[in-house]
Structure formats: C-alpha cells, structure tokens
Amino acid sequence: MFTVQKALPLLNDGASVILNSSVRADDGVEAFGTYATSNAALRS
C-alpha cells in the first residue's frame, strides 16, 4: 500500500497498477498474520 501511494504521483494519466497476491492468505498460519492479512485485502 505504501509503495503504491508513493508511486501514484509518478504515474501517467490512465496508468494501471497491478498487485499480486499469493495463497498464503488461506493457510491460517499464525506466523504469517500480517502477510496473510495484506494478501486477503488484495483478494477482496
């Protein structure tokens, strides 16, 4: 999110931002809580 916020002023009108996610959001592993949360947000 922070990277996209910083990049937005540098993009031309009509530019696209493509965000990738992984299946780690579905694992439910406690150690990956923040990572899973950000991936789940992208999927939403």
Protein backbone atom coordinates (compact mmCIF):
# COMPACT_ATOMS: atom_id res chain seq x y z
CA MET A 1 0.00 0.00 0.00
CA PHE A 2 2.76 2.45 0.91
CA THR A 3 4.66 1.66 -2.28
CA VAL A 4 1.57 2.35 -4.39
CA GLN A 5 0.93 5.61 -2.54
CA LYS A 6 4.46 6.81 -3.26
CA ALA A 7 4.30 5.71 -6.91
CA LEU A 8 0.95 7.31 -7.77
CA PRO A 9 2.32 10.82 -8.37
CA LEU A 10 4.86 9.35 -10.81
CA LEU A 11 2.30 7.54 -12.97
CA ASN A 12 0.85 9.00 -16.16
CA ASP A 13 -2.89 9.56 -16.56
CA GLY A 14 -4.60 6.28 -17.41
CA ALA A 15 -1.76 4.18 -15.96
CA SER A 16 -2.57 0.89 -14.23
CA VAL A 17 -1.26 -0.66 -11.05
CA ILE A 18 -1.32 -4.45 -10.86
CA LEU A 19 -0.97 -6.01 -7.41
CA ASN A 20 -0.11 -9.67 -6.94
CA SER A 21 -1.02 -11.89 -4.04
CA SER A 22 -0.32 -15.46 -3.00
CA VAL A 23 -2.21 -18.38 -1.49
CA ARG A 24 -0.55 -17.75 1.89
CA ALA A 25 -3.70 -15.86 2.96
CA ASP A 26 -5.61 -19.16 3.05
CA ASP A 27 -3.15 -21.11 5.23
CA GLY A 28 -4.10 -19.69 8.62
CA VAL A 29 -0.51 -19.88 9.90
CA GLU A 30 -0.10 -17.54 12.88
CA ALA A 31 3.46 -16.56 11.93
CA PHE A 32 2.19 -15.10 8.64
CA GLY A 33 -0.60 -12.99 10.16
CA THR A 34 0.30 -9.60 8.70
CA TYR A 35 1.33 -11.10 5.38
CA ALA A 36 -1.91 -13.09 5.18
CA THR A 37 -3.95 -10.02 6.05
CA SER A 38 -2.43 -7.94 3.26
CA ASN A 39 -2.95 -10.74 0.74
CA ALA A 40 -6.56 -11.19 1.84
CA ALA A 41 -7.12 -7.45 1.39
CA LEU A 42 -5.81 -7.66 -2.17
CA ARG A 43 -8.15 -10.56 -2.92
CA SER A 44 -11.10 -8.60 -1.58
